[in-house]
Amino acid sequence: MKALNLLRVVAHAKWGSDEATLLHLYRSLIRSKLDYGAIVYGSARKSYLRMLDPIQNRALRLCLGAFRTSPATSLHVEANEMPMELRRRRLASQFSLRICSNLSNPARNCAFDKRFTKLFDKRDSFEFFRTTSNFCCGLTRLR
């Protein structure tokens, strides 16, 4: 990944940038690419999704100047970043709430149609649609 190589160059130990700048570069160059399409690919197998975790961990290690053996959880805490799985869930929840809040959104009819509830119930990755659908149905009754 070219953005990771750029981060590696900018994070040089002797003349490199500071931690805050490196984290800003991470968020703009790397995390944006990891987040792009997360709603679509978020329903993939967990083993496929876990393939993206080392990219995030490698970038955070570069930004923080941490050792290769540093645990990923401590990297996330130090950088104030969510793990990829939680981030994908959050992005999907925000997307489904955005769909739910706009009555004229054409995706709302497809996403919250009762015909698709069996499909959503079979997959754990669509949990956010189930919870948002229940939430939206409650809001619709209140209107």
Protein backbone atom coordinates (compact mmCIF):
# COMPACT_ATOMS: atom_id res chain seq x y z
CA MET A 1 0.00 0.00 0.00
CA LYS A 2 1.56 3.27 -1.14
CA ALA A 3 0.10 5.32 1.68
CA LEU A 4 1.74 3.03 4.22
CA ASN A 5 5.10 3.47 2.49
CA LEU A 6 4.63 7.24 2.55
CA LEU A 7 3.88 7.08 6.25
CA ARG A 8 6.99 4.96 6.77
CA VAL A 9 9.15 7.60 5.08
CA VAL A 10 7.61 10.51 6.97
CA ALA A 11 7.93 8.65 10.30
CA HIS A 12 11.73 8.42 10.12
CA ALA A 13 13.27 8.21 13.60
CA LYS A 14 15.89 10.97 13.16
CA TRP A 15 14.19 13.60 11.02
CA GLY A 16 10.60 12.35 10.92
CA SER A 17 7.42 14.09 11.88
CA ASP A 18 5.81 14.17 15.33
CA GLU A 19 3.11 11.76 16.55
CA ALA A 20 0.15 14.12 16.06
CA THR A 21 1.08 14.82 12.44
CA LEU A 22 1.61 11.14 11.73
CA LEU A 23 -1.77 10.24 13.22
CA HIS A 24 -3.37 12.96 11.10
CA LEU A 25 -1.72 11.47 8.01
CA TYR A 26 -2.90 8.01 9.05
CA ARG A 27 -6.48 9.19 9.39
CA SER A 28 -6.49 10.99 6.07
CA LEU A 29 -4.51 8.56 3.90
CA ILE A 30 -4.94 5.08 5.34
CA ARG A 31 -8.06 5.01 7.48
CA SER A 32 -10.09 6.72 4.78
CA LYS A 33 -9.19 3.90 2.37
CA LEU A 34 -10.03 1.25 4.96
CA ASP A 35 -13.38 2.91 5.68
CA TYR A 36 -14.37 3.38 2.06
CA GLY A 37 -17.12 0.89 1.27
CA ALA A 38 -17.17 -0.55 4.80
CA ILE A 39 -20.96 -0.72 4.68
CA VAL A 40 -20.79 -2.92 1.61
CA TYR A 41 -17.92 -5.20 2.53
CA GLY A 42 -18.87 -5.27 6.22
CA SER A 43 -21.00 -8.35 5.62
CA ALA A 44 -18.05 -10.41 4.39
CA ARG A 45 -16.59 -13.31 6.36
CA LYS A 46 -14.78 -12.37 9.52
CA SER A 47 -11.62 -14.07 8.25
CA TYR A 48 -11.59 -11.75 5.23
CA LEU A 49 -12.26 -8.70 7.36
CA ARG A 50 -9.42 -9.63 9.72
CA MET A 51 -7.03 -9.27 6.79
CA LEU A 52 -7.42 -5.50 7.10
CA ASP A 53 -6.47 -5.37 10.78
CA PRO A 54 -2.69 -5.77 10.22
CA ILE A 55 -2.71 -2.75 7.91
CA GLN A 56 -4.22 -0.59 10.62
CA ASN A 57 -1.90 -2.02 13.27
CA ARG A 58 1.20 -1.49 11.12
CA ALA A 59 0.22 2.12 10.45
CA LEU A 60 -0.44 2.81 14.13
CA ARG A 61 2.92 1.28 15.06
CA LEU A 62 4.62 3.62 12.62
CA CYS A 63 2.73 6.65 13.92
CA LEU A 64 3.40 5.92 17.57
CA GLY A 65 6.93 4.65 17.13
CA ALA A 66 5.95 1.43 18.89
CA PHE A 67 7.77 -1.88 18.71
CA ARG A 68 6.60 -4.64 16.40
CA THR A 69 5.65 -6.73 19.43
CA SER A 70 3.40 -4.06 20.95
CA PRO A 71 -0.15 -5.37 21.46
CA ALA A 72 -2.74 -3.99 19.07
CA THR A 73 -5.12 -3.03 21.88
CA SER A 74 -2.52 -0.74 23.45
CA LEU A 75 -1.90 0.85 20.04
CA HIS A 76 -5.60 1.62 19.69
CA VAL A 77 -5.73 3.18 23.14
CA GLU A 78 -2.59 5.27 22.61
CA ALA A 79 -3.77 6.53 19.22
CA ASN A 80 -7.38 6.98 20.36
CA GLU A 81 -8.55 4.80 17.47
CA MET A 82 -11.24 2.13 17.41
CA PRO A 83 -10.44 -1.38 16.20
CA MET A 84 -11.56 -2.00 12.63
CA GLU A 85 -14.47 -4.23 13.63
CA LEU A 86 -15.97 -1.60 15.92
CA ARG A 87 -15.32 1.12 13.39
CA ARG A 88 -17.14 -0.82 10.66
CA ARG A 89 -20.07 -1.37 13.00
CA ARG A 90 -20.19 2.32 13.87
CA LEU A 91 -20.06 3.39 10.22
CA ALA A 92 -22.80 0.93 9.32
CA SER A 93 -24.99 2.16 12.18
CA GLN A 94 -24.50 5.77 11.13
CA PHE A 95 -25.35 4.86 7.54
CA SER A 96 -28.50 2.99 8.51
CA LEU A 97 -29.63 5.83 10.77
CA ARG A 98 -29.03 8.28 7.93
CA ILE A 99 -31.18 6.12 5.66
CA CYS A 100 -33.84 5.79 8.34
CA SER A 101 -34.07 9.51 9.04
CA ASN A 102 -34.80 10.49 5.43
CA LEU A 103 -38.21 9.26 4.32
CA SER A 104 -37.56 10.08 0.66
CA ASN A 105 -34.32 8.10 0.49
CA PRO A 106 -34.78 5.28 -2.06
CA ALA A 107 -32.44 3.00 -0.12
CA ARG A 108 -34.79 3.14 2.85
CA ASN A 109 -37.43 1.06 1.09
CA CYS A 110 -34.91 -1.65 0.26
CA ALA A 111 -33.04 -1.69 3.55
CA PHE A 112 -36.02 -1.69 5.88
CA ASP A 113 -38.47 -3.72 3.83
CA LYS A 114 -40.07 -6.50 5.88
CA ARG A 115 -39.42 -9.00 3.05
CA PHE A 116 -35.69 -8.86 3.77
CA THR A 117 -35.82 -9.47 7.52
CA LYS A 118 -35.20 -13.20 7.07
CA LEU A 119 -32.04 -12.39 5.12
CA PHE A 120 -30.85 -10.01 7.83
CA ASP A 121 -31.67 -12.48 10.61
CA LYS A 122 -29.46 -15.15 9.05
CA ARG A 123 -26.34 -12.98 9.07
CA ASP A 124 -24.79 -11.64 12.25
CA SER A 125 -23.12 -8.86 10.29
CA PHE A 126 -26.51 -7.24 9.59
CA GLU A 127 -27.25 -6.76 13.27
CA PHE A 128 -27.15 -2.97 12.85
CA PHE A 129 -29.93 -3.14 10.26
CA ARG A 130 -32.10 -5.17 12.61
CA THR A 131 -31.64 -2.79 15.50
CA THR A 132 -32.00 0.30 13.32
CA SER A 133 -35.06 -1.16 11.65
CA ASN A 134 -36.70 -1.68 15.03
CA PHE A 135 -35.69 1.85 16.02
CA CYS A 136 -37.07 3.33 12.79
CA CYS A 137 -40.32 1.44 13.08
CA GLY A 138 -40.71 2.94 16.55
CA LEU A 139 -40.06 6.42 15.19
CA THR A 140 -42.52 5.93 12.35
CA ARG A 141 -45.24 5.00 14.83
CA LEU A 142 -44.55 8.18 16.81
CA ARG A 143 -45.04 10.46 13.78
